[in-house]
PDB file of all heavy atoms in Angstrom:
ATOM      1  N   ASP A   1       0.805  -1.225   0.000  1.00  0.00           N
ATOM      2  CA  ASP A   1       0.000   0.000   0.000  1.00  0.00           C
ATOM      3  C   ASP A   1       0.836   1.273   0.000  1.00  0.00           C
ATOM      4  O   ASP A   1       0.448   2.266  -0.611  1.00  0.00           O
ATOM      5  CB  ASP A   1      -0.921   0.037   1.229  1.00  0.00           C
ATOM      6  CG  ASP A   1      -2.034  -0.985   1.168  1.00  0.00           C
ATOM      7  OD1 ASP A   1      -2.280  -1.551   0.079  1.00  0.00           O
ATOM      8  OD2 ASP A   1      -2.662  -1.230   2.222  1.00  0.00           O
ATOM      9  N   ASN A   2       1.974   1.263   0.704  1.00  0.00           N
ATOM     10  CA  ASN A   2       2.717   2.500   0.943  1.00  0.00           C
ATOM     11  C   ASN A   2       4.158   2.511   0.450  1.00  0.00           C
ATOM     12  O   ASN A   2       4.876   3.470   0.699  1.00  0.00           O
ATOM     13  CB  ASN A   2       2.682   2.831   2.438  1.00  0.00           C
ATOM     14  CG  ASN A   2       1.259   3.039   2.904  1.00  0.00           C
ATOM     15  OD1 ASN A   2       0.535   3.853   2.352  1.00  0.00           O
ATOM     16  ND2 ASN A   2       0.840   2.273   3.894  1.00  0.00           N
ATOM     17  N   GLY A   3       4.599   1.455  -0.185  1.00  0.00           N
ATOM     18  CA  GLY A   3       5.953   1.427  -0.726  1.00  0.00           C
ATOM     19  C   GLY A   3       6.970   0.917   0.278  1.00  0.00           C
ATOM     20  O   GLY A   3       6.619   0.475   1.374  1.00  0.00           O
ATOM     21  N   PRO A   4       8.258   0.974  -0.108  1.00  0.00           N
ATOM     22  CA  PRO A   4       9.330   0.444   0.742  1.00  0.00           C
ATOM     23  C   PRO A   4       9.237   0.972   2.173  1.00  0.00           C
ATOM     24  O   PRO A   4       8.829   2.105   2.412  1.00  0.00           O
ATOM     25  CB  PRO A   4      10.606   0.942   0.055  1.00  0.00           C
ATOM     26  CG  PRO A   4      10.202   1.110  -1.378  1.00  0.00           C
ATOM     27  CD  PRO A   4       8.767   1.581  -1.329  1.00  0.00           C
ATOM     28  N   LEU A   5       9.612   0.110   3.097  1.00  0.00           N
ATOM     29  CA  LEU A   5       9.488   0.419   4.514  1.00  0.00           C
ATOM     30  C   LEU A   5      10.863   0.359   5.166  1.00  0.00           C
ATOM     31  O   LEU A   5      11.548  -0.656   5.069  1.00  0.00           O
ATOM     32  CB  LEU A   5       8.548  -0.612   5.160  1.00  0.00           C
ATOM     33  CG  LEU A   5       8.170  -0.453   6.608  1.00  0.00           C
ATOM     34  CD1 LEU A   5       7.472   0.893   6.847  1.00  0.00           C
ATOM     35  CD2 LEU A   5       7.243  -1.575   7.019  1.00  0.00           C
ATOM     36  N   GLN A   6      11.253   1.462   5.787  1.00  0.00           N
ATOM     37  CA  GLN A   6      12.537   1.480   6.475  1.00  0.00           C
ATOM     38  C   GLN A   6      12.469   0.554   7.678  1.00  0.00           C
ATOM     39  O   GLN A   6      11.512   0.590   8.445  1.00  0.00           O
ATOM     40  CB  GLN A   6      12.902   2.889   6.910  1.00  0.00           C
ATOM     41  CG  GLN A   6      13.139   3.816   5.745  1.00  0.00           C
ATOM     42  CD  GLN A   6      13.501   5.223   6.189  1.00  0.00           C
ATOM     43  OE1 GLN A   6      13.542   5.533   7.371  1.00  0.00           O
ATOM     44  NE2 GLN A   6      13.762   6.077   5.232  1.00  0.00           N
ATOM     45  N   ARG A   7      13.514  -0.281   7.809  1.00  0.00           N
ATOM     46  CA  ARG A   7      13.505  -1.277   8.883  1.00  0.00           C
ATOM     47  C   ARG A   7      13.426  -0.650  10.269  1.00  0.00           C
ATOM     48  O   ARG A   7      12.789  -1.189  11.163  1.00  0.00           O
ATOM     49  CB  ARG A   7      14.727  -2.184   8.769  1.00  0.00           C
ATOM     50  CG  ARG A   7      14.571  -3.152   7.623  1.00  0.00           C
ATOM     51  CD  ARG A   7      15.669  -4.140   7.458  1.00  0.00           C
ATOM     52  NE  ARG A   7      16.413  -4.447   8.653  1.00  0.00           N
ATOM     53  CZ  ARG A   7      17.646  -4.918   8.656  1.00  0.00           C
ATOM     54  NH1 ARG A   7      18.264  -5.150   7.525  1.00  0.00           N
ATOM     55  NH2 ARG A   7      18.262  -5.191   9.779  1.00  0.00           N
ATOM     56  N   HIS A   8      14.052   0.512  10.451  1.00  0.00           N
ATOM     57  CA  HIS A   8      14.072   1.103  11.788  1.00  0.00           C
ATOM     58  C   HIS A   8      12.725   1.715  12.198  1.00  0.00           C
ATOM     59  O   HIS A   8      12.551   2.081  13.349  1.00  0.00           O
ATOM     60  CB  HIS A   8      15.208   2.124  11.927  1.00  0.00           C
ATOM     61  CG  HIS A   8      15.008   3.386  11.150  1.00  0.00           C
ATOM     62  ND1 HIS A   8      15.332   3.492   9.821  1.00  0.00           N
ATOM     63  CD2 HIS A   8      14.496   4.580  11.524  1.00  0.00           C
ATOM     64  CE1 HIS A   8      15.041   4.708   9.403  1.00  0.00           C
ATOM     65  NE2 HIS A   8      14.533   5.385  10.409  1.00  0.00           N
ATOM     66  N   VAL A   9      11.757   1.798  11.293  1.00  0.00           N
ATOM     67  CA  VAL A   9      10.448   2.338  11.663  1.00  0.00           C
ATOM     68  C   VAL A   9       9.358   1.259  11.673  1.00  0.00           C
ATOM     69  O   VAL A   9       8.170   1.574  11.791  1.00  0.00           O
ATOM     70  CB  VAL A   9      10.019   3.520  10.740  1.00  0.00           C
ATOM     71  CG1 VAL A   9      10.982   4.674  10.858  1.00  0.00           C
ATOM     72  CG2 VAL A   9       9.847   3.067   9.320  1.00  0.00           C
ATOM     73  N   LEU A  10       9.761  -0.002  11.586  1.00  0.00           N
ATOM     74  CA  LEU A  10       8.782  -1.091  11.579  1.00  0.00           C
ATOM     75  C   LEU A  10       7.842  -1.032  12.779  1.00  0.00           C
ATOM     76  O   LEU A  10       6.628  -1.122  12.629  1.00  0.00           O
ATOM     77  CB  LEU A  10       9.482  -2.450  11.562  1.00  0.00           C
ATOM     78  CG  LEU A  10       9.948  -2.978  10.230  1.00  0.00           C
ATOM     79  CD1 LEU A  10      10.728  -4.274  10.432  1.00  0.00           C
ATOM     80  CD2 LEU A  10       8.800  -3.197   9.290  1.00  0.00           C
ATOM     81  N   SER A  11       8.411  -0.903  13.971  1.00  0.00           N
ATOM     82  CA  SER A  11       7.573  -0.958  15.181  1.00  0.00           C
ATOM     83  C   SER A  11       6.643   0.247  15.281  1.00  0.00           C
ATOM     84  O   SER A  11       5.558   0.135  15.830  1.00  0.00           O
ATOM     85  CB  SER A  11       8.426  -1.086  16.433  1.00  0.00           C
ATOM     86  OG  SER A  11       9.276   0.027  16.562  1.00  0.00           O
ATOM     87  N   ARG A  12       7.043   1.395  14.737  1.00  0.00           N
ATOM     88  CA  ARG A  12       6.164   2.565  14.756  1.00  0.00           C
ATOM     89  C   ARG A  12       5.082   2.460  13.686  1.00  0.00           C
ATOM     90  O   ARG A  12       3.980   2.963  13.861  1.00  0.00           O
ATOM     91  CB  ARG A  12       6.963   3.850  14.551  1.00  0.00           C
ATOM     92  CG  ARG A  12       7.714   4.269  15.797  1.00  0.00           C
ATOM     93  CD  ARG A  12       8.415   5.559  15.582  1.00  0.00           C
ATOM     94  NE  ARG A  12       9.578   5.255  14.717  1.00  0.00           N
ATOM     95  CZ  ARG A  12      10.312   6.155  14.121  1.00  0.00           C
ATOM     96  NH1 ARG A  12      10.030   7.434  14.221  1.00  0.00           N
ATOM     97  NH2 ARG A  12      11.347   5.807  13.397  1.00  0.00           N
ATOM     98  N   THR A  13       5.396   1.803  12.589  1.00  0.00           N
ATOM     99  CA  THR A  13       4.442   1.671  11.485  1.00  0.00           C
ATOM    100  C   THR A  13       3.450   0.546  11.735  1.00  0.00           C
ATOM    101  O   THR A  13       2.255   0.693  11.489  1.00  0.00           O
ATOM    102  CB  THR A  13       5.196   1.417  10.168  1.00  0.00           C
ATOM    103  OG1 THR A  13       6.129   2.482   9.969  1.00  0.00           O
ATOM    104  CG2 THR A  13       4.252   1.346   8.993  1.00  0.00           C
ATOM    105  N   LEU A  14       3.955  -0.573  12.205  1.00  0.00           N
ATOM    106  CA  LEU A  14       3.115  -1.756  12.427  1.00  0.00           C
ATOM    107  C   LEU A  14       2.842  -1.902  13.920  1.00  0.00           C
ATOM    108  O   LEU A  14       3.276  -2.857  14.563  1.00  0.00           O
ATOM    109  CB  LEU A  14       3.794  -2.999  11.855  1.00  0.00           C
ATOM    110  CG  LEU A  14       4.099  -2.927  10.356  1.00  0.00           C
ATOM    111  CD1 LEU A  14       4.923  -4.110   9.905  1.00  0.00           C
ATOM    112  CD2 LEU A  14       2.829  -2.831   9.551  1.00  0.00           C
ATOM    113  N   THR A  15       2.106  -0.960  14.462  1.00  0.00           N
ATOM    114  CA  THR A  15       1.815  -0.964  15.893  1.00  0.00           C
ATOM    115  C   THR A  15       1.001  -2.201  16.259  1.00  0.00           C
ATOM    116  O   THR A  15       0.284  -2.759  15.435  1.00  0.00           O
ATOM    117  CB  THR A  15       1.034   0.305  16.299  1.00  0.00           C
ATOM    118  OG1 THR A  15      -0.164   0.366  15.539  1.00  0.00           O
ATOM    119  CG2 THR A  15       1.875   1.555  16.053  1.00  0.00           C
ATOM    120  N   GLY A  16       1.165  -2.619  17.488  1.00  0.00           N
ATOM    121  CA  GLY A  16       0.427  -3.783  17.974  1.00  0.00           C
ATOM    122  C   GLY A  16       1.172  -5.091  17.777  1.00  0.00           C
ATOM    123  O   GLY A  16       0.718  -6.125  18.247  1.00  0.00           O
ATOM    124  N   LEU A  17       2.288  -5.053  17.076  1.00  0.00           N
ATOM    125  CA  LEU A  17       3.109  -6.254  16.912  1.00  0.00           C
ATOM    126  C   LEU A  17       4.370  -6.104  17.759  1.00  0.00           C
ATOM    127  O   LEU A  17       4.998  -5.044  17.755  1.00  0.00           O
ATOM    128  CB  LEU A  17       3.510  -6.453  15.447  1.00  0.00           C
ATOM    129  CG  LEU A  17       2.390  -6.764  14.458  1.00  0.00           C
ATOM    130  CD1 LEU A  17       2.942  -6.796  13.034  1.00  0.00           C
ATOM    131  CD2 LEU A  17       1.736  -8.091  14.797  1.00  0.00           C
ATOM    132  N   SER A  18       4.721  -7.151  18.466  1.00  0.00           N
ATOM    133  CA  SER A  18       5.923  -7.114  19.293  1.00  0.00           C
ATOM    134  C   SER A  18       7.164  -7.153  18.395  1.00  0.00           C
ATOM    135  O   SER A  18       7.078  -7.485  17.212  1.00  0.00           O
ATOM    136  CB  SER A  18       5.950  -8.312  20.243  1.00  0.00           C
ATOM    137  OG  SER A  18       6.156  -9.512  19.503  1.00  0.00           O
ATOM    138  N   ARG A  19       8.311  -6.847  18.979  1.00  0.00           N
ATOM    139  CA  ARG A  19       9.571  -6.934  18.216  1.00  0.00           C
ATOM    140  C   ARG A  19       9.787  -8.354  17.702  1.00  0.00           C
ATOM    141  O   ARG A  19      10.268  -8.560  16.599  1.00  0.00           O
ATOM    142  CB  ARG A  19      10.750  -6.496  19.076  1.00  0.00           C
ATOM    143  CG  ARG A  19      10.815  -5.021  19.245  1.00  0.00           C
ATOM    144  CD  ARG A  19      12.029  -4.622  20.062  1.00  0.00           C
ATOM    145  NE  ARG A  19      12.019  -3.196  20.221  1.00  0.00           N
ATOM    146  CZ  ARG A  19      13.061  -2.431  19.992  1.00  0.00           C
ATOM    147  NH1 ARG A  19      14.193  -2.960  19.629  1.00  0.00           N
ATOM    148  NH2 ARG A  19      12.966  -1.138  20.138  1.00  0.00           N
ATOM    149  N   GLN A  20       9.434  -9.325  18.526  1.00  0.00           N
ATOM    150  CA  GLN A  20       9.582 -10.721  18.119  1.00  0.00           C
ATOM    151  C   GLN A  20       8.690 -11.022  16.918  1.00  0.00           C
ATOM    152  O   GLN A  20       9.116 -11.682  15.974  1.00  0.00           O
ATOM    153  CB  GLN A  20       9.242 -11.660  19.276  1.00  0.00           C
ATOM    154  CG  GLN A  20       9.397 -13.118  18.919  1.00  0.00           C
ATOM    155  CD  GLN A  20       9.080 -14.040  20.086  1.00  0.00           C
ATOM    156  OE1 GLN A  20       8.774 -13.590  21.178  1.00  0.00           O
ATOM    157  NE2 GLN A  20       9.153 -15.326  19.842  1.00  0.00           N
ATOM    158  N   GLN A  21       7.461 -10.552  16.938  1.00  0.00           N
ATOM    159  CA  GLN A  21       6.552 -10.769  15.812  1.00  0.00           C
ATOM    160  C   GLN A  21       7.075 -10.077  14.556  1.00  0.00           C
ATOM    161  O   GLN A  21       6.979 -10.628  13.462  1.00  0.00           O
ATOM    162  CB  GLN A  21       5.150 -10.263  16.143  1.00  0.00           C
ATOM    163  CG  GLN A  21       4.430 -11.105  17.170  1.00  0.00           C
ATOM    164  CD  GLN A  21       3.145 -10.456  17.632  1.00  0.00           C
ATOM    165  OE1 GLN A  21       3.102  -9.257  17.909  1.00  0.00           O
ATOM    166  NE2 GLN A  21       2.094 -11.255  17.718  1.00  0.00           N
ATOM    167  N   LEU A  22       7.623  -8.878  14.708  1.00  0.00           N
ATOM    168  CA  LEU A  22       8.179  -8.157  13.561  1.00  0.00           C
ATOM    169  C   LEU A  22       9.408  -8.872  13.005  1.00  0.00           C
ATOM    170  O   LEU A  22       9.556  -8.998  11.781  1.00  0.00           O
ATOM    171  CB  LEU A  22       8.534  -6.721  13.951  1.00  0.00           C
ATOM    172  CG  LEU A  22       7.350  -5.812  14.222  1.00  0.00           C
ATOM    173  CD1 LEU A  22       7.811  -4.492  14.826  1.00  0.00           C
ATOM    174  CD2 LEU A  22       6.548  -5.583  12.949  1.00  0.00           C
ATOM    175  N   ARG A  23      10.289  -9.342  13.898  1.00  0.00           N
ATOM    176  CA  ARG A  23      11.466 -10.101  13.445  1.00  0.00           C
ATOM    177  C   ARG A  23      11.023 -11.352  12.696  1.00  0.00           C
ATOM    178  O   ARG A  23      11.565 -11.690  11.653  1.00  0.00           O
ATOM    179  CB  ARG A  23      12.347 -10.488  14.639  1.00  0.00           C
ATOM    180  CG  ARG A  23      13.334  -9.421  15.028  1.00  0.00           C
ATOM    181  CD  ARG A  23      14.401  -9.964  15.980  1.00  0.00           C
ATOM    182  NE  ARG A  23      13.851 -10.629  17.150  1.00  0.00           N
ATOM    183  CZ  ARG A  23      13.534 -10.026  18.282  1.00  0.00           C
ATOM    184  NH1 ARG A  23      13.707  -8.733  18.419  1.00  0.00           N
ATOM    185  NH2 ARG A  23      13.056 -10.707  19.295  1.00  0.00           N
ATOM    186  N   HIS A  24      10.026 -12.025  13.270  1.00  0.00           N
ATOM    187  CA  HIS A  24       9.538 -13.230  12.620  1.00  0.00           C
ATOM    188  C   HIS A  24       8.928 -12.921  11.254  1.00  0.00           C
ATOM    189  O   HIS A  24       9.177 -13.616  10.274  1.00  0.00           O
ATOM    190  CB  HIS A  24       8.496 -13.947  13.471  1.00  0.00           C
ATOM    191  CG  HIS A  24       7.804 -14.997  12.678  1.00  0.00           C
ATOM    192  ND1 HIS A  24       8.429 -16.147  12.302  1.00  0.00           N
ATOM    193  CD2 HIS A  24       6.590 -15.009  12.101  1.00  0.00           C
ATOM    194  CE1 HIS A  24       7.597 -16.854  11.549  1.00  0.00           C
ATOM    195  NE2 HIS A  24       6.485 -16.179  11.417  1.00  0.00           N
ATOM    196  N   ALA A  25       8.104 -11.893  11.183  1.00  0.00           N
ATOM    197  CA  ALA A  25       7.445 -11.547   9.919  1.00  0.00           C
ATOM    198  C   ALA A  25       8.472 -11.215   8.840  1.00  0.00           C
ATOM    199  O   ALA A  25       8.341 -11.664   7.701  1.00  0.00           O
ATOM    200  CB  ALA A  25       6.481 -10.380  10.118  1.00  0.00           C
ATOM    201  N   THR A  26       9.500 -10.459   9.191  1.00  0.00           N
ATOM    202  CA  THR A  26      10.517 -10.128   8.183  1.00  0.00           C
ATOM    203  C   THR A  26      11.352 -11.353   7.823  1.00  0.00           C
ATOM    204  O   THR A  26      11.659 -11.571   6.651  1.00  0.00           O
ATOM    205  CB  THR A  26      11.426  -8.971   8.643  1.00  0.00           C
ATOM    206  OG1 THR A  26      12.017  -9.290   9.899  1.00  0.00           O
ATOM    207  CG2 THR A  26      10.642  -7.671   8.753  1.00  0.00           C
ATOM    208  N   ALA A  27      11.682 -12.174   8.813  1.00  0.00           N
ATOM    209  CA  ALA A  27      12.453 -13.395   8.521  1.00  0.00           C
ATOM    210  C   ALA A  27      11.643 -14.352   7.657  1.00  0.00           C
ATOM    211  O   ALA A  27      12.160 -14.923   6.682  1.00  0.00           O
ATOM    212  CB  ALA A  27      12.889 -14.075   9.816  1.00  0.00           C
ATOM    213  N   ALA A  28      10.379 -14.534   7.995  1.00  0.00           N
ATOM    214  CA  ALA A  28       9.521 -15.423   7.207  1.00  0.00           C
ATOM    215  C   ALA A  28       9.331 -14.859   5.810  1.00  0.00           C
ATOM    216  O   ALA A  28       9.387 -15.599   4.820  1.00  0.00           O
ATOM    217  CB  ALA A  28       8.173 -15.599   7.895  1.00  0.00           C
TER     218      ALA A  28
END
């Protein structure tokens, strides 16, 4: 929807997901 996403703003952009969930989502 919004184009490339800077890795350092993942947690601010995808609120409600823990760091572990974000790490998993990017790794998967």
